[in-house]
N, C-alpha and C. Protein backbone atom coordinates (compact mmCIF):
# COMPACT_ATOMS: atom_id res chain seq x y z
N UNK A 1 -5.22 -22.09 27.39
CA UNK A 1 -3.93 -21.57 27.81
C UNK A 1 -2.99 -21.56 26.61
N UNK A 2 -2.14 -20.54 26.55
CA UNK A 2 -1.16 -20.47 25.48
C UNK A 2 0.16 -19.97 26.04
N UNK A 3 1.21 -20.15 25.26
CA UNK A 3 2.54 -19.71 25.65
C UNK A 3 3.28 -19.29 24.39
N UNK A 4 4.24 -18.42 24.55
CA UNK A 4 4.99 -17.94 23.40
C UNK A 4 6.23 -18.79 23.14
N UNK A 5 6.89 -19.23 24.19
CA UNK A 5 8.10 -20.05 24.07
C UNK A 5 8.11 -21.07 25.20
N UNK A 6 8.93 -22.09 25.00
CA UNK A 6 9.13 -23.10 26.04
C UNK A 6 10.59 -23.07 26.47
N UNK A 7 10.78 -23.08 27.78
CA UNK A 7 12.13 -23.06 28.33
C UNK A 7 12.33 -24.33 29.15
N UNK A 8 13.32 -25.11 28.75
CA UNK A 8 13.67 -26.32 29.48
C UNK A 8 14.59 -25.95 30.64
N UNK A 9 14.25 -26.41 31.83
CA UNK A 9 15.08 -26.17 33.00
C UNK A 9 15.62 -27.50 33.49
N UNK A 10 16.93 -27.62 33.47
CA UNK A 10 17.63 -28.75 34.07
C UNK A 10 18.09 -28.29 35.44
N UNK A 11 17.87 -29.11 36.47
CA UNK A 11 18.28 -28.71 37.82
C UNK A 11 18.27 -29.91 38.75
N UNK A 12 18.73 -29.69 39.95
CA UNK A 12 18.89 -30.75 40.92
C UNK A 12 17.59 -31.31 41.47
N UNK A 13 17.61 -32.59 41.77
CA UNK A 13 16.49 -33.23 42.46
C UNK A 13 16.70 -33.16 43.98
N UNK A 14 17.73 -32.44 44.38
CA UNK A 14 18.01 -32.14 45.78
C UNK A 14 18.02 -30.63 45.93
N UNK A 15 17.85 -30.13 47.16
CA UNK A 15 17.82 -28.68 47.35
C UNK A 15 19.19 -28.02 47.35
N UNK A 16 20.25 -28.78 47.53
CA UNK A 16 21.58 -28.20 47.61
C UNK A 16 21.86 -27.64 48.98
N UNK A 17 23.07 -27.15 49.17
CA UNK A 17 23.54 -26.72 50.49
C UNK A 17 23.17 -25.29 50.85
N UNK A 18 22.81 -24.49 49.86
CA UNK A 18 22.54 -23.07 50.11
C UNK A 18 21.08 -22.73 49.83
N UNK A 19 20.45 -21.97 50.70
CA UNK A 19 19.07 -21.53 50.46
C UNK A 19 18.93 -20.72 49.17
N UNK A 20 20.01 -20.09 48.73
CA UNK A 20 19.97 -19.29 47.51
C UNK A 20 19.65 -20.13 46.28
N UNK A 21 19.98 -21.43 46.29
CA UNK A 21 19.68 -22.28 45.15
C UNK A 21 18.18 -22.48 45.01
N UNK A 22 17.50 -22.76 46.12
CA UNK A 22 16.04 -22.92 46.09
C UNK A 22 15.37 -21.61 45.70
N UNK A 23 15.90 -20.50 46.21
CA UNK A 23 15.33 -19.20 45.85
C UNK A 23 15.49 -18.93 44.36
N UNK A 24 16.64 -19.27 43.81
CA UNK A 24 16.86 -19.08 42.37
C UNK A 24 15.90 -19.95 41.56
N UNK A 25 15.63 -21.16 42.04
CA UNK A 25 14.69 -22.03 41.34
C UNK A 25 13.29 -21.42 41.37
N UNK A 26 12.87 -20.95 42.54
CA UNK A 26 11.56 -20.31 42.65
C UNK A 26 11.49 -19.06 41.76
N UNK A 27 12.53 -18.26 41.79
CA UNK A 27 12.56 -17.06 40.96
C UNK A 27 12.52 -17.40 39.47
N UNK A 28 13.16 -18.48 39.09
CA UNK A 28 13.12 -18.91 37.70
C UNK A 28 11.70 -19.29 37.30
N UNK A 29 11.04 -20.09 38.11
CA UNK A 29 9.66 -20.48 37.81
C UNK A 29 8.74 -19.29 37.71
N UNK A 30 8.87 -18.35 38.63
CA UNK A 30 8.04 -17.14 38.62
C UNK A 30 8.32 -16.29 37.39
N UNK A 31 9.60 -16.16 37.04
CA UNK A 31 9.98 -15.38 35.86
C UNK A 31 9.43 -15.99 34.58
N UNK A 32 9.51 -17.30 34.45
CA UNK A 32 8.98 -17.96 33.26
C UNK A 32 7.49 -17.67 33.11
N UNK A 33 6.76 -17.78 34.21
CA UNK A 33 5.32 -17.51 34.18
C UNK A 33 5.05 -16.06 33.80
N UNK A 34 5.81 -15.13 34.38
CA UNK A 34 5.57 -13.71 34.11
C UNK A 34 5.81 -13.35 32.65
N UNK A 35 6.63 -14.14 31.98
CA UNK A 35 6.92 -13.89 30.57
C UNK A 35 5.98 -14.65 29.64
N UNK A 36 5.13 -15.50 30.21
CA UNK A 36 4.24 -16.31 29.38
C UNK A 36 4.96 -17.47 28.72
N UNK A 37 6.08 -17.90 29.30
CA UNK A 37 6.85 -19.01 28.76
C UNK A 37 6.48 -20.29 29.50
N UNK A 38 6.39 -21.38 28.74
CA UNK A 38 6.10 -22.69 29.33
C UNK A 38 7.36 -23.26 29.97
N UNK A 39 7.19 -23.84 31.15
CA UNK A 39 8.27 -24.57 31.82
C UNK A 39 8.26 -26.00 31.32
N UNK A 40 9.40 -26.47 30.84
CA UNK A 40 9.63 -27.87 30.49
C UNK A 40 10.72 -28.35 31.44
N UNK A 41 10.43 -29.40 32.20
CA UNK A 41 11.42 -29.85 33.19
C UNK A 41 11.21 -31.32 33.48
N UNK A 42 11.98 -31.85 34.43
CA UNK A 42 12.02 -33.28 34.71
C UNK A 42 10.88 -33.88 35.50
N UNK A 43 9.82 -33.11 35.79
CA UNK A 43 8.58 -33.59 36.39
C UNK A 43 8.67 -34.01 37.85
N UNK A 44 9.80 -33.82 38.48
CA UNK A 44 9.91 -34.18 39.89
C UNK A 44 9.32 -33.11 40.79
N UNK A 45 8.92 -33.55 41.98
CA UNK A 45 8.38 -32.62 42.98
C UNK A 45 9.31 -32.56 44.19
N UNK A 46 10.60 -32.77 43.94
CA UNK A 46 11.61 -32.74 45.00
C UNK A 46 12.72 -31.79 44.59
N UNK A 47 13.50 -31.35 45.55
CA UNK A 47 14.67 -30.53 45.28
C UNK A 47 14.34 -29.28 44.50
N UNK A 48 15.30 -28.84 43.70
CA UNK A 48 15.10 -27.64 42.90
C UNK A 48 14.03 -27.84 41.84
N UNK A 49 13.88 -29.08 41.37
CA UNK A 49 12.82 -29.36 40.39
C UNK A 49 11.46 -28.99 40.95
N UNK A 50 11.19 -29.44 42.15
CA UNK A 50 9.91 -29.12 42.78
C UNK A 50 9.75 -27.63 43.01
N UNK A 51 10.82 -26.96 43.42
CA UNK A 51 10.77 -25.51 43.66
C UNK A 51 10.41 -24.74 42.40
N UNK A 52 11.08 -25.05 41.31
CA UNK A 52 10.83 -24.31 40.07
C UNK A 52 9.42 -24.58 39.57
N UNK A 53 8.95 -25.80 39.67
CA UNK A 53 7.62 -26.15 39.17
C UNK A 53 6.52 -25.52 40.02
N UNK A 54 6.63 -25.63 41.33
CA UNK A 54 5.60 -25.05 42.19
C UNK A 54 5.51 -23.54 42.02
N UNK A 55 6.66 -22.87 41.89
CA UNK A 55 6.65 -21.42 41.69
C UNK A 55 6.04 -21.06 40.34
N UNK A 56 6.39 -21.81 39.30
CA UNK A 56 5.83 -21.56 37.97
C UNK A 56 4.31 -21.73 38.00
N UNK A 57 3.85 -22.81 38.62
CA UNK A 57 2.41 -23.06 38.72
C UNK A 57 1.71 -21.96 39.51
N UNK A 58 2.28 -21.59 40.64
CA UNK A 58 1.66 -20.56 41.48
C UNK A 58 1.52 -19.24 40.75
N UNK A 59 2.44 -18.98 39.81
CA UNK A 59 2.41 -17.74 39.05
C UNK A 59 1.63 -17.88 37.74
N UNK A 60 1.05 -19.07 37.50
CA UNK A 60 0.18 -19.25 36.35
C UNK A 60 0.82 -19.80 35.09
N UNK A 61 2.00 -20.36 35.18
CA UNK A 61 2.68 -20.89 34.00
C UNK A 61 2.07 -22.21 33.54
N UNK A 62 2.21 -22.46 32.27
CA UNK A 62 1.95 -23.77 31.70
C UNK A 62 3.19 -24.62 32.01
N UNK A 63 2.97 -25.85 32.45
CA UNK A 63 4.09 -26.70 32.85
C UNK A 63 4.03 -28.03 32.14
N UNK A 64 5.18 -28.47 31.67
CA UNK A 64 5.30 -29.78 31.03
C UNK A 64 6.43 -30.52 31.74
N UNK A 65 6.10 -31.66 32.30
CA UNK A 65 7.10 -32.48 32.99
C UNK A 65 7.31 -33.79 32.27
N UNK A 66 8.57 -34.22 32.23
CA UNK A 66 8.93 -35.47 31.57
C UNK A 66 9.74 -36.29 32.56
N UNK A 67 9.29 -37.49 32.83
CA UNK A 67 9.95 -38.32 33.85
C UNK A 67 9.95 -39.78 33.41
N UNK A 68 11.05 -40.50 33.61
CA UNK A 68 11.05 -41.93 33.29
C UNK A 68 10.33 -42.73 34.38
N UNK A 69 9.77 -43.81 33.98
CA UNK A 69 9.00 -44.67 34.88
C UNK A 69 9.76 -44.97 36.16
N UNK A 70 11.04 -45.31 36.05
CA UNK A 70 11.81 -45.74 37.22
C UNK A 70 12.07 -44.62 38.23
N UNK A 71 11.80 -43.35 37.88
CA UNK A 71 12.02 -42.26 38.82
C UNK A 71 10.72 -41.69 39.40
N UNK A 72 9.59 -42.26 39.03
CA UNK A 72 8.31 -41.74 39.51
C UNK A 72 8.26 -41.69 41.04
N UNK A 73 8.71 -42.72 41.71
CA UNK A 73 8.68 -42.73 43.18
C UNK A 73 9.83 -41.92 43.76
N UNK A 74 11.01 -42.10 43.23
CA UNK A 74 12.20 -41.44 43.78
C UNK A 74 12.12 -39.92 43.68
N UNK A 75 11.67 -39.41 42.53
CA UNK A 75 11.58 -37.96 42.33
C UNK A 75 10.17 -37.43 42.59
N UNK A 76 9.30 -38.30 43.05
CA UNK A 76 7.91 -37.95 43.37
C UNK A 76 7.29 -37.21 42.19
N UNK A 77 7.02 -37.96 41.12
CA UNK A 77 6.46 -37.37 39.90
C UNK A 77 5.29 -36.44 40.21
N UNK A 78 5.39 -35.21 39.76
CA UNK A 78 4.39 -34.16 40.05
C UNK A 78 3.22 -34.33 39.09
N UNK A 79 2.11 -34.78 39.59
CA UNK A 79 0.98 -35.15 38.75
C UNK A 79 0.01 -34.01 38.44
N UNK A 80 0.19 -32.84 39.03
CA UNK A 80 -0.74 -31.74 38.78
C UNK A 80 -0.20 -30.74 37.75
N UNK A 81 0.66 -31.21 36.87
CA UNK A 81 1.22 -30.36 35.82
C UNK A 81 0.21 -30.19 34.69
N UNK A 82 0.43 -29.19 33.86
CA UNK A 82 -0.42 -29.02 32.68
C UNK A 82 -0.32 -30.25 31.79
N UNK A 83 0.89 -30.75 31.63
CA UNK A 83 1.13 -31.94 30.83
C UNK A 83 2.25 -32.75 31.45
N UNK A 84 2.06 -34.06 31.52
CA UNK A 84 3.10 -34.94 32.05
C UNK A 84 3.33 -36.07 31.06
N UNK A 85 4.60 -36.32 30.78
CA UNK A 85 4.98 -37.39 29.87
C UNK A 85 5.84 -38.36 30.67
N UNK A 86 5.49 -39.64 30.63
CA UNK A 86 6.27 -40.67 31.30
C UNK A 86 7.01 -41.45 30.22
N UNK A 87 8.35 -41.48 30.36
CA UNK A 87 9.18 -42.14 29.35
C UNK A 87 9.69 -43.48 29.89
N UNK A 88 10.26 -44.24 28.98
CA UNK A 88 10.84 -45.53 29.36
C UNK A 88 12.18 -45.38 30.06
N UNK A 89 12.98 -44.37 29.64
CA UNK A 89 14.33 -44.25 30.20
C UNK A 89 14.81 -42.80 30.19
N UNK A 90 15.99 -42.60 30.72
CA UNK A 90 16.57 -41.26 30.83
C UNK A 90 16.88 -40.65 29.47
N UNK A 91 17.33 -41.47 28.53
CA UNK A 91 17.65 -40.94 27.20
C UNK A 91 16.41 -40.34 26.54
N UNK A 92 15.31 -41.07 26.63
CA UNK A 92 14.07 -40.56 26.05
C UNK A 92 13.61 -39.30 26.79
N UNK A 93 13.77 -39.27 28.10
CA UNK A 93 13.40 -38.10 28.89
C UNK A 93 14.11 -36.85 28.37
N UNK A 94 15.44 -36.95 28.23
CA UNK A 94 16.22 -35.80 27.77
C UNK A 94 15.81 -35.39 26.37
N UNK A 95 15.57 -36.36 25.52
CA UNK A 95 15.18 -36.06 24.13
C UNK A 95 13.84 -35.32 24.09
N UNK A 96 12.87 -35.79 24.85
CA UNK A 96 11.55 -35.16 24.86
C UNK A 96 11.64 -33.75 25.46
N UNK A 97 12.41 -33.60 26.52
CA UNK A 97 12.59 -32.27 27.12
C UNK A 97 13.21 -31.32 26.10
N UNK A 98 14.26 -31.76 25.46
CA UNK A 98 14.96 -30.92 24.49
C UNK A 98 14.07 -30.56 23.30
N UNK A 99 13.38 -31.54 22.77
CA UNK A 99 12.56 -31.30 21.58
C UNK A 99 11.38 -30.38 21.86
N UNK A 100 10.97 -30.26 23.10
CA UNK A 100 9.83 -29.41 23.46
C UNK A 100 10.27 -28.07 24.03
N UNK A 101 11.49 -27.65 23.74
CA UNK A 101 11.98 -26.38 24.29
C UNK A 101 12.62 -25.52 23.22
N UNK A 102 12.60 -24.22 23.48
CA UNK A 102 13.25 -23.24 22.61
C UNK A 102 14.57 -22.77 23.19
N UNK A 103 14.73 -22.91 24.49
CA UNK A 103 15.95 -22.50 25.18
C UNK A 103 16.14 -23.44 26.37
N UNK A 104 17.39 -23.52 26.83
CA UNK A 104 17.71 -24.39 27.95
C UNK A 104 18.36 -23.55 29.05
N UNK A 105 17.89 -23.76 30.28
CA UNK A 105 18.48 -23.11 31.45
C UNK A 105 18.92 -24.22 32.41
N UNK A 106 20.15 -24.11 32.89
CA UNK A 106 20.67 -25.10 33.83
C UNK A 106 20.90 -24.40 35.17
N UNK A 107 20.13 -24.82 36.16
CA UNK A 107 20.29 -24.33 37.53
C UNK A 107 21.28 -25.26 38.24
N UNK A 108 21.71 -24.91 39.45
CA UNK A 108 22.58 -25.83 40.17
C UNK A 108 21.98 -27.24 40.24
N UNK A 109 22.85 -28.21 40.19
CA UNK A 109 22.42 -29.60 40.24
C UNK A 109 23.62 -30.51 40.30
N UNK A 110 23.35 -31.79 40.27
CA UNK A 110 24.40 -32.79 40.40
C UNK A 110 24.74 -33.47 39.09
N UNK A 111 25.05 -34.75 39.18
CA UNK A 111 25.51 -35.50 38.00
C UNK A 111 24.49 -35.49 36.88
N UNK A 112 23.20 -35.59 37.23
CA UNK A 112 22.17 -35.58 36.19
C UNK A 112 22.14 -34.26 35.45
N UNK A 113 22.24 -33.16 36.18
CA UNK A 113 22.25 -31.84 35.53
C UNK A 113 23.50 -31.66 34.67
N UNK A 114 24.63 -32.16 35.15
CA UNK A 114 25.85 -32.10 34.35
C UNK A 114 25.70 -32.91 33.07
N UNK A 115 25.14 -34.10 33.20
CA UNK A 115 24.90 -34.95 32.03
C UNK A 115 24.02 -34.22 31.02
N UNK A 116 22.95 -33.61 31.50
CA UNK A 116 22.02 -32.90 30.61
C UNK A 116 22.71 -31.72 29.95
N UNK A 117 23.48 -30.95 30.73
CA UNK A 117 24.21 -29.81 30.19
C UNK A 117 25.18 -30.27 29.10
N UNK A 118 26.02 -31.24 29.41
CA UNK A 118 27.02 -31.65 28.43
C UNK A 118 26.40 -32.27 27.18
N UNK A 119 25.28 -32.94 27.33
CA UNK A 119 24.64 -33.50 26.15
C UNK A 119 24.16 -32.40 25.21
N UNK A 120 23.46 -31.39 25.73
CA UNK A 120 22.94 -30.34 24.84
C UNK A 120 24.08 -29.47 24.30
N UNK A 121 25.15 -29.27 25.08
CA UNK A 121 26.30 -28.53 24.57
C UNK A 121 27.00 -29.33 23.47
N UNK A 122 27.13 -30.62 23.67
CA UNK A 122 27.75 -31.48 22.64
C UNK A 122 26.92 -31.44 21.36
N UNK A 123 25.60 -31.54 21.49
CA UNK A 123 24.74 -31.47 20.30
C UNK A 123 24.93 -30.14 19.58
N UNK A 124 25.07 -29.05 20.33
CA UNK A 124 25.30 -27.73 19.71
C UNK A 124 26.66 -27.71 19.03
N UNK A 125 27.67 -28.26 19.68
CA UNK A 125 29.03 -28.27 19.16
C UNK A 125 29.12 -29.00 17.82
N UNK A 126 28.35 -30.08 17.68
CA UNK A 126 28.42 -30.84 16.42
C UNK A 126 27.34 -30.41 15.43
N UNK A 127 26.66 -29.32 15.74
CA UNK A 127 25.75 -28.72 14.78
C UNK A 127 24.34 -29.27 14.74
N UNK A 128 23.92 -29.99 15.78
CA UNK A 128 22.57 -30.56 15.77
C UNK A 128 21.49 -29.57 16.18
N UNK A 129 21.88 -28.47 16.82
CA UNK A 129 20.89 -27.46 17.19
C UNK A 129 21.58 -26.12 17.42
N UNK A 130 20.75 -25.08 17.50
CA UNK A 130 21.24 -23.73 17.77
C UNK A 130 20.44 -23.10 18.92
N UNK A 131 19.85 -23.91 19.75
CA UNK A 131 19.08 -23.39 20.87
C UNK A 131 20.03 -22.79 21.91
N UNK A 132 19.65 -21.65 22.48
CA UNK A 132 20.52 -21.06 23.50
C UNK A 132 20.52 -21.88 24.79
N UNK A 133 21.69 -21.94 25.40
CA UNK A 133 21.89 -22.68 26.64
C UNK A 133 22.45 -21.71 27.68
N UNK A 134 21.80 -21.63 28.83
CA UNK A 134 22.21 -20.71 29.88
C UNK A 134 22.50 -21.47 31.17
N UNK A 135 23.59 -21.10 31.81
CA UNK A 135 23.90 -21.58 33.16
C UNK A 135 23.52 -20.46 34.11
N UNK A 136 22.60 -20.70 35.03
CA UNK A 136 22.28 -19.72 36.05
C UNK A 136 23.31 -19.92 37.16
N UNK A 137 24.27 -19.01 37.22
CA UNK A 137 25.45 -19.14 38.08
C UNK A 137 25.20 -18.58 39.47
N UNK A 138 24.21 -19.12 40.14
CA UNK A 138 23.84 -18.67 41.48
C UNK A 138 25.02 -18.84 42.45
N UNK A 139 25.40 -17.74 43.07
CA UNK A 139 26.51 -17.74 44.03
C UNK A 139 27.78 -18.38 43.47
N UNK A 140 28.00 -18.25 42.16
CA UNK A 140 29.20 -18.79 41.53
C UNK A 140 29.23 -20.30 41.40
N UNK A 141 28.04 -20.94 41.51
CA UNK A 141 27.99 -22.40 41.49
C UNK A 141 28.69 -23.01 40.28
N UNK A 142 28.54 -22.41 39.11
CA UNK A 142 29.06 -23.00 37.89
C UNK A 142 30.49 -22.58 37.57
N UNK A 143 31.14 -21.80 38.39
CA UNK A 143 32.51 -21.37 38.11
C UNK A 143 33.48 -22.54 37.96
N UNK A 144 33.43 -23.58 38.79
CA UNK A 144 34.32 -24.72 38.56
C UNK A 144 34.07 -25.41 37.21
N UNK A 145 32.81 -25.47 36.79
CA UNK A 145 32.50 -26.07 35.49
C UNK A 145 33.10 -25.22 34.37
N UNK A 146 32.94 -23.93 34.46
CA UNK A 146 33.50 -23.04 33.44
C UNK A 146 35.02 -23.16 33.43
N UNK A 147 35.62 -23.29 34.61
CA UNK A 147 37.06 -23.53 34.69
C UNK A 147 37.46 -24.83 34.01
N UNK A 148 36.65 -25.88 34.21
CA UNK A 148 36.93 -27.16 33.56
C UNK A 148 36.86 -27.03 32.04
N UNK A 149 35.84 -26.35 31.54
CA UNK A 149 35.71 -26.16 30.09
C UNK A 149 36.92 -25.40 29.55
N UNK A 150 37.35 -24.37 30.27
CA UNK A 150 38.55 -23.64 29.86
C UNK A 150 39.79 -24.53 29.88
N UNK A 151 39.87 -25.43 30.85
CA UNK A 151 40.98 -26.39 30.93
C UNK A 151 40.95 -27.34 29.73
N UNK A 152 39.78 -27.84 29.39
CA UNK A 152 39.63 -28.73 28.24
C UNK A 152 40.13 -28.03 26.97
N UNK A 153 39.79 -26.75 26.83
CA UNK A 153 40.23 -25.97 25.67
C UNK A 153 41.75 -25.78 25.72
N UNK A 154 42.27 -25.39 26.88
CA UNK A 154 43.71 -25.14 27.02
C UNK A 154 44.53 -26.40 26.75
N UNK A 155 43.98 -27.56 27.08
CA UNK A 155 44.69 -28.82 26.87
C UNK A 155 44.48 -29.39 25.47
N UNK A 156 43.78 -28.64 24.62
CA UNK A 156 43.66 -29.04 23.22
C UNK A 156 42.58 -30.04 22.89
N UNK A 157 41.61 -30.24 23.78
CA UNK A 157 40.55 -31.21 23.52
C UNK A 157 39.28 -30.58 22.96
N UNK A 158 39.27 -29.26 22.84
CA UNK A 158 38.15 -28.56 22.23
C UNK A 158 38.65 -27.20 21.74
N UNK A 159 37.97 -26.68 20.76
CA UNK A 159 38.27 -25.33 20.28
C UNK A 159 37.66 -24.32 21.24
N UNK A 160 38.18 -23.11 21.21
CA UNK A 160 37.64 -22.04 22.04
C UNK A 160 36.17 -21.77 21.73
N UNK A 161 35.74 -22.18 20.55
CA UNK A 161 34.34 -21.98 20.16
C UNK A 161 33.38 -22.72 21.09
N UNK A 162 33.89 -23.70 21.84
CA UNK A 162 33.03 -24.42 22.79
C UNK A 162 32.38 -23.46 23.78
N UNK A 163 33.11 -22.43 24.19
CA UNK A 163 32.57 -21.45 25.13
C UNK A 163 31.40 -20.68 24.55
N UNK A 164 31.29 -20.62 23.24
CA UNK A 164 30.21 -19.90 22.59
C UNK A 164 28.90 -20.66 22.54
N UNK A 165 28.89 -21.89 22.99
CA UNK A 165 27.67 -22.70 22.94
C UNK A 165 26.82 -22.57 24.20
N UNK A 166 27.31 -21.84 25.19
CA UNK A 166 26.51 -21.59 26.39
C UNK A 166 26.91 -20.25 26.98
N UNK A 167 26.02 -19.73 27.80
CA UNK A 167 26.24 -18.44 28.43
C UNK A 167 25.95 -18.57 29.92
N UNK A 168 26.90 -18.15 30.75
CA UNK A 168 26.67 -18.11 32.19
C UNK A 168 26.10 -16.75 32.54
N UNK A 169 25.03 -16.75 33.33
CA UNK A 169 24.41 -15.50 33.77
C UNK A 169 24.34 -15.51 35.30
N UNK A 170 24.52 -14.33 35.93
CA UNK A 170 24.63 -14.29 37.39
C UNK A 170 23.31 -14.26 38.15
N UNK A 171 22.21 -13.86 37.47
CA UNK A 171 20.97 -13.67 38.22
C UNK A 171 19.76 -13.76 37.28
N UNK A 172 18.58 -13.73 37.88
CA UNK A 172 17.33 -13.90 37.13
C UNK A 172 17.10 -12.75 36.15
N UNK A 173 17.39 -11.53 36.55
CA UNK A 173 17.17 -10.40 35.64
C UNK A 173 18.02 -10.54 34.38
N UNK A 174 19.26 -10.95 34.54
CA UNK A 174 20.14 -11.15 33.39
C UNK A 174 19.67 -12.33 32.56
N UNK A 175 19.21 -13.39 33.23
CA UNK A 175 18.68 -14.56 32.53
C UNK A 175 17.48 -14.18 31.68
N UNK A 176 16.54 -13.44 32.28
CA UNK A 176 15.34 -13.01 31.56
C UNK A 176 15.74 -12.24 30.29
N UNK A 177 16.64 -11.29 30.42
CA UNK A 177 17.04 -10.48 29.27
C UNK A 177 17.77 -11.32 28.23
N UNK A 178 18.62 -12.24 28.69
CA UNK A 178 19.35 -13.09 27.76
C UNK A 178 18.42 -13.99 26.95
N UNK A 179 17.41 -14.55 27.61
CA UNK A 179 16.44 -15.37 26.89
C UNK A 179 15.69 -14.51 25.89
N UNK A 180 15.25 -13.34 26.32
CA UNK A 180 14.57 -12.42 25.39
C UNK A 180 15.43 -12.11 24.18
N UNK A 181 16.69 -11.81 24.41
CA UNK A 181 17.59 -11.47 23.31
C UNK A 181 17.74 -12.61 22.33
N UNK A 182 17.75 -13.83 22.83
CA UNK A 182 17.93 -15.01 21.97
C UNK A 182 16.66 -15.42 21.24
N UNK A 183 15.51 -15.27 21.89
CA UNK A 183 14.28 -15.81 21.31
C UNK A 183 13.46 -14.79 20.53
N UNK A 184 13.79 -13.53 20.64
CA UNK A 184 13.01 -12.51 19.93
C UNK A 184 13.81 -11.86 18.82
């Protein structure tokens, strides 16, 4: 098996309140497979994580999951992945996910997804990487976050250049094209 690029997907370990979130996760997994891109994600088999992984696998994608020991039971570590890495802690998990990816996609999620998003955006802001970061803005989920970032800028805590470190996209077709534009 081979792949041309690896895309890290950060997303919720819960399904969320809207069926459209699970559908977007499934569509993301299917799209990654159709492009020959490897899925790199948190290795859980619950919530949106499970949706994106199962869809990617069903469509023939190579999958790499990274999960810390303490979340194996809680997130039901998915053991039928192409590759699974078990880390000691969350910091190592994020580092391994990031280092094994060419682009980052953030689907709807909670505090963990926000933590992952802000960490990779901060790393980009201070010049540690130039990997593209995409927010899949399913049903406007990320609009409050984008509003917060604009507020941070307006209040003088960041330059407007912060907005240039990530791109919000409304749907899978736009996401696919945006990743292509960045990686090719």
